[in-house]
Amino acid sequence: MAGKIEARLQQLGIELPNPPAPAANYVPYVRSGKLLFIAGQVPFVDGQIRHRGKAGVEFSVEEAKAVARICGLNLLAQVKAGCDGDLDKVVRCVKVLGFVACVPEFTQQPEVMNGCSDLMVEVFGEAGRHARSAVGTNALPRNVPVEAEAIFEVA
């Protein structure tokens, strides 16, 4: 029987991807007490990076926001794995940290990261509202435009 969050995902027309495997010497998530720390997620789609470049050059704000949503989907896939397949164990999304690869004059990192933040609220409602940092940087791994990590409280 599908849980409440799985039903919500279905209602939203969202199918979570398989959780991406780590690209280096780290684990995709760590649980410490009631906190689940999710490692940085990049825009993997079907096991491949589909978006490369920088906001303000190859990506408009809206396009980068869509990439941030993909990162959010990968975060949720890792959360599901870290909760033994049961997203109803999520008490709340505590924090999202987003990195946006961009040109120096680009200042709309918060708008880009709304792609990830909006997803958390769509899926978890009020429990999806979180603290957040949105940081601009000159480069991200594999030339991706967005990377996001998160902390969740779980039961």
N, C-alpha and C. Protein backbone atom coordinates (compact mmCIF):
# COMPACT_ATOMS: atom_id res chain seq x y z
N MET A 1 0.85 -1.19 0.00
CA MET A 1 0.00 0.00 0.00
C MET A 1 0.89 1.24 0.00
N ALA A 2 0.62 2.14 -0.91
CA ALA A 2 1.42 3.36 -1.03
C ALA A 2 1.14 4.28 0.15
N GLY A 3 2.18 4.95 0.61
CA GLY A 3 2.04 5.89 1.71
C GLY A 3 1.50 7.23 1.25
N LYS A 4 1.34 8.11 2.22
CA LYS A 4 0.79 9.45 1.95
C LYS A 4 1.67 10.24 0.97
N ILE A 5 2.97 10.21 1.17
CA ILE A 5 3.86 10.98 0.30
C ILE A 5 3.93 10.35 -1.09
N GLU A 6 3.94 9.03 -1.17
CA GLU A 6 3.92 8.37 -2.49
C GLU A 6 2.65 8.73 -3.23
N ALA A 7 1.53 8.80 -2.53
CA ALA A 7 0.27 9.20 -3.16
C ALA A 7 0.36 10.64 -3.64
N ARG A 8 0.99 11.49 -2.84
CA ARG A 8 1.16 12.89 -3.23
C ARG A 8 2.02 13.00 -4.49
N LEU A 9 3.11 12.24 -4.55
CA LEU A 9 3.96 12.23 -5.74
C LEU A 9 3.16 11.81 -6.97
N GLN A 10 2.35 10.78 -6.81
CA GLN A 10 1.53 10.30 -7.92
C GLN A 10 0.54 11.38 -8.35
N GLN A 11 -0.07 12.05 -7.38
CA GLN A 11 -1.02 13.12 -7.66
C GLN A 11 -0.35 14.25 -8.45
N LEU A 12 0.92 14.54 -8.11
CA LEU A 12 1.67 15.59 -8.78
C LEU A 12 2.26 15.14 -10.12
N GLY A 13 2.14 13.85 -10.42
CA GLY A 13 2.71 13.33 -11.66
C GLY A 13 4.23 13.21 -11.60
N ILE A 14 4.76 13.02 -10.40
CA ILE A 14 6.20 12.94 -10.21
C ILE A 14 6.61 11.50 -9.99
N GLU A 15 7.54 11.04 -10.82
CA GLU A 15 8.15 9.73 -10.63
C GLU A 15 9.60 9.96 -10.25
N LEU A 16 9.97 9.49 -9.07
CA LEU A 16 11.34 9.70 -8.62
C LEU A 16 12.30 8.82 -9.41
N PRO A 17 13.48 9.35 -9.71
CA PRO A 17 14.48 8.54 -10.41
C PRO A 17 15.10 7.54 -9.45
N ASN A 18 15.88 6.62 -10.00
CA ASN A 18 16.71 5.79 -9.14
C ASN A 18 17.75 6.70 -8.52
N PRO A 19 18.11 6.48 -7.26
CA PRO A 19 19.10 7.37 -6.64
C PRO A 19 20.46 7.24 -7.34
N PRO A 20 21.03 8.36 -7.76
CA PRO A 20 22.34 8.30 -8.43
C PRO A 20 23.42 7.74 -7.51
N ALA A 21 24.32 6.98 -8.10
CA ALA A 21 25.46 6.44 -7.35
C ALA A 21 26.48 7.54 -7.12
N PRO A 22 27.23 7.47 -6.02
CA PRO A 22 28.28 8.47 -5.78
C PRO A 22 29.32 8.44 -6.90
N ALA A 23 29.85 9.63 -7.21
CA ALA A 23 30.84 9.75 -8.28
C ALA A 23 32.27 9.68 -7.77
N ALA A 24 32.45 9.61 -6.45
CA ALA A 24 33.80 9.59 -5.87
C ALA A 24 33.74 8.88 -4.52
N ASN A 25 34.69 9.16 -3.65
CA ASN A 25 34.82 8.47 -2.37
C ASN A 25 33.96 9.11 -1.30
N TYR A 26 32.65 8.88 -1.36
CA TYR A 26 31.70 9.36 -0.36
C TYR A 26 30.45 8.51 -0.45
N VAL A 27 29.57 8.66 0.51
CA VAL A 27 28.29 7.95 0.48
C VAL A 27 27.19 8.95 0.15
N PRO A 28 26.08 8.49 -0.45
CA PRO A 28 25.04 9.43 -0.88
C PRO A 28 24.23 10.03 0.27
N TYR A 29 24.22 9.38 1.41
CA TYR A 29 23.51 9.92 2.57
C TYR A 29 24.08 9.31 3.84
N VAL A 30 23.92 10.05 4.93
CA VAL A 30 24.32 9.59 6.25
C VAL A 30 23.21 9.93 7.22
N ARG A 31 22.82 8.95 8.00
CA ARG A 31 21.84 9.22 9.05
C ARG A 31 22.58 9.33 10.37
N SER A 32 22.29 10.40 11.11
CA SER A 32 22.84 10.61 12.44
C SER A 32 21.68 10.99 13.34
N GLY A 33 21.29 10.08 14.21
CA GLY A 33 20.12 10.33 15.05
C GLY A 33 18.88 10.46 14.18
N LYS A 34 18.19 11.58 14.33
CA LYS A 34 16.97 11.81 13.56
C LYS A 34 17.23 12.64 12.30
N LEU A 35 18.50 12.92 12.02
CA LEU A 35 18.83 13.73 10.84
C LEU A 35 19.39 12.85 9.73
N LEU A 36 18.93 13.12 8.51
CA LEU A 36 19.42 12.45 7.32
C LEU A 36 20.09 13.50 6.44
N PHE A 37 21.40 13.38 6.28
CA PHE A 37 22.20 14.31 5.50
C PHE A 37 22.36 13.73 4.09
N ILE A 38 21.91 14.49 3.09
CA ILE A 38 21.99 14.03 1.70
C ILE A 38 23.15 14.75 1.02
N ALA A 39 24.04 13.97 0.43
CA ALA A 39 25.19 14.53 -0.29
C ALA A 39 24.71 15.34 -1.49
N GLY A 40 25.57 16.22 -1.96
CA GLY A 40 25.24 17.07 -3.10
C GLY A 40 24.76 16.26 -4.30
N GLN A 41 23.65 16.71 -4.87
CA GLN A 41 23.06 16.04 -6.03
C GLN A 41 23.12 16.99 -7.22
N VAL A 42 23.51 16.43 -8.35
CA VAL A 42 23.62 17.19 -9.58
C VAL A 42 22.53 16.71 -10.55
N PRO A 43 22.38 17.35 -11.70
CA PRO A 43 21.27 17.01 -12.59
C PRO A 43 21.47 15.72 -13.40
N PHE A 44 21.49 14.58 -12.69
CA PHE A 44 21.50 13.29 -13.36
C PHE A 44 20.09 12.98 -13.82
N VAL A 45 19.94 12.56 -15.07
CA VAL A 45 18.68 12.09 -15.62
C VAL A 45 18.99 10.77 -16.31
N ASP A 46 18.33 9.72 -15.89
CA ASP A 46 18.57 8.39 -16.47
C ASP A 46 20.05 8.02 -16.43
N GLY A 47 20.70 8.34 -15.31
CA GLY A 47 22.09 7.95 -15.11
C GLY A 47 23.12 8.81 -15.82
N GLN A 48 22.69 9.90 -16.46
CA GLN A 48 23.63 10.76 -17.17
C GLN A 48 23.40 12.22 -16.80
N ILE A 49 24.48 12.98 -16.83
CA ILE A 49 24.35 14.42 -16.63
C ILE A 49 23.81 15.00 -17.93
N ARG A 50 22.66 15.67 -17.83
CA ARG A 50 21.99 16.17 -19.03
C ARG A 50 22.17 17.67 -19.22
N HIS A 51 22.70 18.35 -18.23
CA HIS A 51 22.81 19.81 -18.32
C HIS A 51 24.21 20.23 -17.90
N ARG A 52 24.86 21.01 -18.75
CA ARG A 52 26.20 21.51 -18.45
C ARG A 52 26.27 22.97 -18.86
N GLY A 53 27.00 23.75 -18.06
CA GLY A 53 27.17 25.17 -18.36
C GLY A 53 26.90 26.03 -17.15
N LYS A 54 26.76 27.33 -17.40
CA LYS A 54 26.60 28.30 -16.31
C LYS A 54 25.32 29.12 -16.46
N ALA A 55 24.76 29.46 -15.33
CA ALA A 55 23.64 30.40 -15.32
C ALA A 55 24.17 31.75 -15.77
N GLY A 56 23.41 32.40 -16.59
CA GLY A 56 23.85 33.69 -17.12
C GLY A 56 24.60 33.57 -18.43
N VAL A 57 24.90 32.34 -18.85
CA VAL A 57 25.55 32.11 -20.14
C VAL A 57 24.70 31.09 -20.91
N GLU A 58 24.85 29.81 -20.56
CA GLU A 58 24.10 28.77 -21.25
C GLU A 58 22.66 28.61 -20.73
N PHE A 59 22.41 29.12 -19.51
CA PHE A 59 21.11 28.94 -18.88
C PHE A 59 20.52 30.25 -18.41
N SER A 60 19.26 30.47 -18.75
CA SER A 60 18.51 31.60 -18.18
C SER A 60 18.13 31.22 -16.74
N VAL A 61 17.59 32.16 -16.01
CA VAL A 61 17.14 31.88 -14.65
C VAL A 61 16.11 30.76 -14.66
N GLU A 62 15.13 30.83 -15.55
CA GLU A 62 14.08 29.80 -15.59
C GLU A 62 14.64 28.44 -15.97
N GLU A 63 15.58 28.40 -16.90
CA GLU A 63 16.19 27.13 -17.28
C GLU A 63 17.01 26.55 -16.13
N ALA A 64 17.76 27.38 -15.44
CA ALA A 64 18.55 26.92 -14.30
C ALA A 64 17.64 26.47 -13.16
N LYS A 65 16.50 27.15 -13.00
CA LYS A 65 15.51 26.75 -11.99
C LYS A 65 15.00 25.34 -12.28
N ALA A 66 14.77 25.02 -13.54
CA ALA A 66 14.34 23.67 -13.92
C ALA A 66 15.42 22.64 -13.60
N VAL A 67 16.69 23.02 -13.77
CA VAL A 67 17.80 22.13 -13.43
C VAL A 67 17.84 21.92 -11.91
N ALA A 68 17.58 22.97 -11.15
CA ALA A 68 17.55 22.84 -9.68
C ALA A 68 16.45 21.87 -9.25
N ARG A 69 15.34 21.86 -9.97
CA ARG A 69 14.26 20.91 -9.66
C ARG A 69 14.74 19.47 -9.88
N ILE A 70 15.49 19.24 -10.94
CA ILE A 70 16.05 17.90 -11.19
C ILE A 70 16.95 17.50 -10.02
N CYS A 71 17.77 18.42 -9.56
CA CYS A 71 18.61 18.14 -8.39
C CYS A 71 17.74 17.78 -7.19
N GLY A 72 16.62 18.49 -7.03
CA GLY A 72 15.69 18.20 -5.94
C GLY A 72 15.08 16.81 -6.06
N LEU A 73 14.76 16.40 -7.28
CA LEU A 73 14.24 15.04 -7.48
C LEU A 73 15.27 13.99 -7.07
N ASN A 74 16.53 14.27 -7.38
CA ASN A 74 17.59 13.35 -6.98
C ASN A 74 17.79 13.36 -5.47
N LEU A 75 17.62 14.51 -4.83
CA LEU A 75 17.64 14.56 -3.37
C LEU A 75 16.56 13.65 -2.80
N LEU A 76 15.34 13.78 -3.34
CA LEU A 76 14.23 12.97 -2.84
C LEU A 76 14.46 11.48 -3.06
N ALA A 77 15.08 11.13 -4.18
CA ALA A 77 15.41 9.73 -4.43
C ALA A 77 16.38 9.21 -3.37
N GLN A 78 17.34 10.02 -2.98
CA GLN A 78 18.29 9.62 -1.93
C GLN A 78 17.59 9.54 -0.56
N VAL A 79 16.69 10.48 -0.31
CA VAL A 79 15.93 10.45 0.95
C VAL A 79 15.13 9.15 1.03
N LYS A 80 14.49 8.81 -0.05
CA LYS A 80 13.70 7.57 -0.08
C LYS A 80 14.59 6.37 0.22
N ALA A 81 15.76 6.32 -0.39
CA ALA A 81 16.70 5.23 -0.12
C ALA A 81 17.13 5.24 1.35
N GLY A 82 17.39 6.42 1.88
CA GLY A 82 17.82 6.55 3.28
C GLY A 82 16.73 6.25 4.29
N CYS A 83 15.49 6.22 3.83
CA CYS A 83 14.33 5.91 4.69
C CYS A 83 13.77 4.53 4.35
N ASP A 84 14.61 3.67 3.79
CA ASP A 84 14.20 2.30 3.44
C ASP A 84 12.95 2.28 2.57
N GLY A 85 12.85 3.24 1.66
CA GLY A 85 11.75 3.27 0.71
C GLY A 85 10.48 3.92 1.21
N ASP A 86 10.49 4.46 2.43
CA ASP A 86 9.27 5.02 3.02
C ASP A 86 9.41 6.52 3.26
N LEU A 87 8.95 7.33 2.31
CA LEU A 87 9.03 8.78 2.44
C LEU A 87 8.13 9.33 3.54
N ASP A 88 7.21 8.53 4.05
CA ASP A 88 6.39 8.96 5.17
C ASP A 88 7.21 9.08 6.46
N LYS A 89 8.42 8.58 6.45
CA LYS A 89 9.31 8.75 7.61
C LYS A 89 9.87 10.17 7.71
N VAL A 90 9.72 10.95 6.65
CA VAL A 90 10.23 12.33 6.67
C VAL A 90 9.35 13.17 7.59
N VAL A 91 9.97 13.77 8.59
CA VAL A 91 9.27 14.68 9.50
C VAL A 91 9.26 16.08 8.88
N ARG A 92 10.42 16.49 8.34
CA ARG A 92 10.50 17.78 7.66
C ARG A 92 11.81 17.89 6.91
N CYS A 93 11.80 18.76 5.92
CA CYS A 93 13.03 19.17 5.25
C CYS A 93 13.57 20.31 6.10
N VAL A 94 14.77 20.14 6.63
CA VAL A 94 15.35 21.11 7.56
C VAL A 94 16.12 22.20 6.83
N LYS A 95 16.97 21.79 5.87
CA LYS A 95 17.87 22.75 5.22
C LYS A 95 18.21 22.29 3.82
N VAL A 96 18.28 23.23 2.91
CA VAL A 96 18.78 22.99 1.55
C VAL A 96 19.93 23.97 1.32
N LEU A 97 21.02 23.45 0.78
CA LEU A 97 22.15 24.27 0.38
C LEU A 97 22.31 24.11 -1.12
N GLY A 98 22.20 25.21 -1.85
CA GLY A 98 22.29 25.16 -3.30
C GLY A 98 23.46 25.95 -3.82
N PHE A 99 24.11 25.38 -4.81
CA PHE A 99 25.23 26.03 -5.49
C PHE A 99 24.84 26.25 -6.95
N VAL A 100 25.08 27.43 -7.45
CA VAL A 100 24.77 27.76 -8.83
C VAL A 100 26.05 28.22 -9.52
N ALA A 101 26.48 27.47 -10.53
CA ALA A 101 27.63 27.89 -11.33
C ALA A 101 27.16 29.03 -12.23
N CYS A 102 27.87 30.15 -12.15
CA CYS A 102 27.39 31.33 -12.87
C CYS A 102 28.53 32.30 -13.15
N VAL A 103 28.22 33.26 -13.98
CA VAL A 103 29.16 34.34 -14.26
C VAL A 103 29.15 35.29 -13.06
N PRO A 104 30.22 36.08 -12.87
CA PRO A 104 30.32 36.94 -11.68
C PRO A 104 29.15 37.91 -11.50
N GLU A 105 28.60 38.41 -12.58
CA GLU A 105 27.53 39.41 -12.45
C GLU A 105 26.14 38.79 -12.22
N PHE A 106 26.05 37.47 -12.22
CA PHE A 106 24.76 36.80 -11.99
C PHE A 106 24.42 36.86 -10.50
N THR A 107 23.23 37.33 -10.17
CA THR A 107 22.86 37.51 -8.75
C THR A 107 21.52 36.87 -8.41
N GLN A 108 21.02 36.00 -9.27
CA GLN A 108 19.70 35.42 -9.03
C GLN A 108 19.75 33.97 -8.57
N GLN A 109 20.76 33.65 -7.75
CA GLN A 109 20.88 32.31 -7.20
C GLN A 109 19.63 31.90 -6.41
N PRO A 110 19.04 32.80 -5.60
CA PRO A 110 17.83 32.39 -4.87
C PRO A 110 16.69 31.98 -5.81
N GLU A 111 16.50 32.70 -6.89
CA GLU A 111 15.43 32.35 -7.83
C GLU A 111 15.70 31.00 -8.48
N VAL A 112 16.95 30.72 -8.80
CA VAL A 112 17.31 29.42 -9.36
C VAL A 112 16.99 28.31 -8.36
N MET A 113 17.40 28.49 -7.12
CA MET A 113 17.22 27.43 -6.12
C MET A 113 15.77 27.24 -5.71
N ASN A 114 14.90 28.18 -6.09
CA ASN A 114 13.47 27.96 -5.86
C ASN A 114 12.98 26.72 -6.60
N GLY A 115 13.66 26.32 -7.65
CA GLY A 115 13.28 25.08 -8.35
C GLY A 115 13.33 23.88 -7.42
N CYS A 116 14.33 23.83 -6.57
CA CYS A 116 14.45 22.76 -5.59
C CYS A 116 13.52 23.00 -4.40
N SER A 117 13.53 24.21 -3.89
CA SER A 117 12.72 24.54 -2.71
C SER A 117 11.23 24.37 -2.98
N ASP A 118 10.77 24.83 -4.13
CA ASP A 118 9.35 24.69 -4.48
C ASP A 118 8.95 23.22 -4.51
N LEU A 119 9.84 22.37 -5.02
CA LEU A 119 9.56 20.93 -5.07
C LEU A 119 9.35 20.37 -3.67
N MET A 120 10.19 20.75 -2.72
CA MET A 120 10.06 20.23 -1.35
C MET A 120 8.71 20.61 -0.75
N VAL A 121 8.25 21.84 -1.01
CA VAL A 121 6.96 22.28 -0.49
C VAL A 121 5.82 21.57 -1.23
N GLU A 122 5.95 21.38 -2.54
CA GLU A 122 4.93 20.64 -3.29
C GLU A 122 4.74 19.24 -2.72
N VAL A 123 5.83 18.59 -2.40
CA VAL A 123 5.78 17.19 -1.96
C VAL A 123 5.39 17.07 -0.49
N PHE A 124 6.00 17.87 0.38
CA PHE A 124 5.80 17.69 1.82
C PHE A 124 4.90 18.74 2.47
N GLY A 125 4.40 19.70 1.71
CA GLY A 125 3.57 20.75 2.29
C GLY A 125 4.39 21.59 3.25
N GLU A 126 3.80 21.99 4.37
CA GLU A 126 4.50 22.83 5.35
C GLU A 126 5.78 22.17 5.86
N ALA A 127 5.79 20.85 5.94
CA ALA A 127 7.00 20.14 6.38
C ALA A 127 8.13 20.25 5.36
N GLY A 128 7.82 20.73 4.18
CA GLY A 128 8.85 20.94 3.15
C GLY A 128 9.50 22.30 3.22
N ARG A 129 8.96 23.21 4.02
CA ARG A 129 9.57 24.55 4.16
C ARG A 129 10.85 24.40 4.98
N HIS A 130 11.90 25.03 4.52
CA HIS A 130 13.22 24.78 5.08
C HIS A 130 14.06 26.05 5.12
N ALA A 131 15.11 25.99 5.91
CA ALA A 131 16.15 27.02 5.84
C ALA A 131 16.95 26.75 4.58
N ARG A 132 17.56 27.80 4.00
CA ARG A 132 18.27 27.59 2.75
C ARG A 132 19.38 28.60 2.56
N SER A 133 20.42 28.15 1.89
CA SER A 133 21.46 29.03 1.38
C SER A 133 21.55 28.79 -0.12
N ALA A 134 21.74 29.86 -0.88
CA ALA A 134 21.91 29.77 -2.33
C ALA A 134 23.18 30.53 -2.68
N VAL A 135 24.17 29.80 -3.15
CA VAL A 135 25.51 30.35 -3.34
C VAL A 135 25.89 30.31 -4.81
N GLY A 136 26.48 31.38 -5.30
CA GLY A 136 27.03 31.41 -6.65
C GLY A 136 28.49 31.00 -6.62
N THR A 137 28.93 30.27 -7.64
CA THR A 137 30.31 29.82 -7.72
C THR A 137 30.78 29.85 -9.17
N ASN A 138 32.08 29.85 -9.36
CA ASN A 138 32.61 29.91 -10.72
C ASN A 138 32.52 28.58 -11.45
N ALA A 139 32.48 27.46 -10.71
CA ALA A 139 32.43 26.16 -11.37
C ALA A 139 31.89 25.11 -10.40
N LEU A 140 31.26 24.09 -10.97
CA LEU A 140 30.79 22.93 -10.21
C LEU A 140 31.30 21.67 -10.88
N PRO A 141 31.29 20.54 -10.17
CA PRO A 141 31.79 19.29 -10.76
C PRO A 141 31.12 18.96 -12.09
N ARG A 142 31.90 18.46 -13.01
CA ARG A 142 31.43 18.02 -14.32
C ARG A 142 30.76 19.13 -15.12
N ASN A 143 31.02 20.39 -14.75
CA ASN A 143 30.48 21.56 -15.44
C ASN A 143 28.95 21.64 -15.35
N VAL A 144 28.37 21.12 -14.25
CA VAL A 144 26.92 21.24 -14.08
C VAL A 144 26.59 22.65 -13.61
N PRO A 145 25.37 23.13 -13.91
CA PRO A 145 25.00 24.48 -13.50
C PRO A 145 24.48 24.58 -12.07
N VAL A 146 24.01 23.46 -11.49
CA VAL A 146 23.42 23.49 -10.16
C VAL A 146 23.78 22.22 -9.41
N GLU A 147 24.03 22.37 -8.11
CA GLU A 147 24.19 21.24 -7.20
C GLU A 147 23.44 21.59 -5.92
N ALA A 148 22.75 20.61 -5.34
CA ALA A 148 22.00 20.85 -4.11
C ALA A 148 22.23 19.71 -3.12
N GLU A 149 22.35 20.08 -1.86
CA GLU A 149 22.41 19.09 -0.78
C GLU A 149 21.35 19.47 0.23
N ALA A 150 21.01 18.54 1.13
CA ALA A 150 19.92 18.83 2.06
C ALA A 150 20.05 18.01 3.34
N ILE A 151 19.35 18.50 4.35
CA ILE A 151 19.24 17.81 5.63
C ILE A 151 17.75 17.61 5.90
N PHE A 152 17.37 16.41 6.26
CA PHE A 152 15.98 16.08 6.59
C PHE A 152 15.92 15.51 7.99
N GLU A 153 14.85 15.84 8.70
CA GLU A 153 14.54 15.16 9.97
C GLU A 153 13.65 13.98 9.62
N VAL A 154 14.00 12.81 10.14
CA VAL A 154 13.25 11.59 9.84
C VAL A 154 12.87 10.87 11.12
N ALA A 155 11.81 10.09 11.03
CA ALA A 155 11.33 9.33 12.20
C ALA A 155 12.09 8.01 12.29
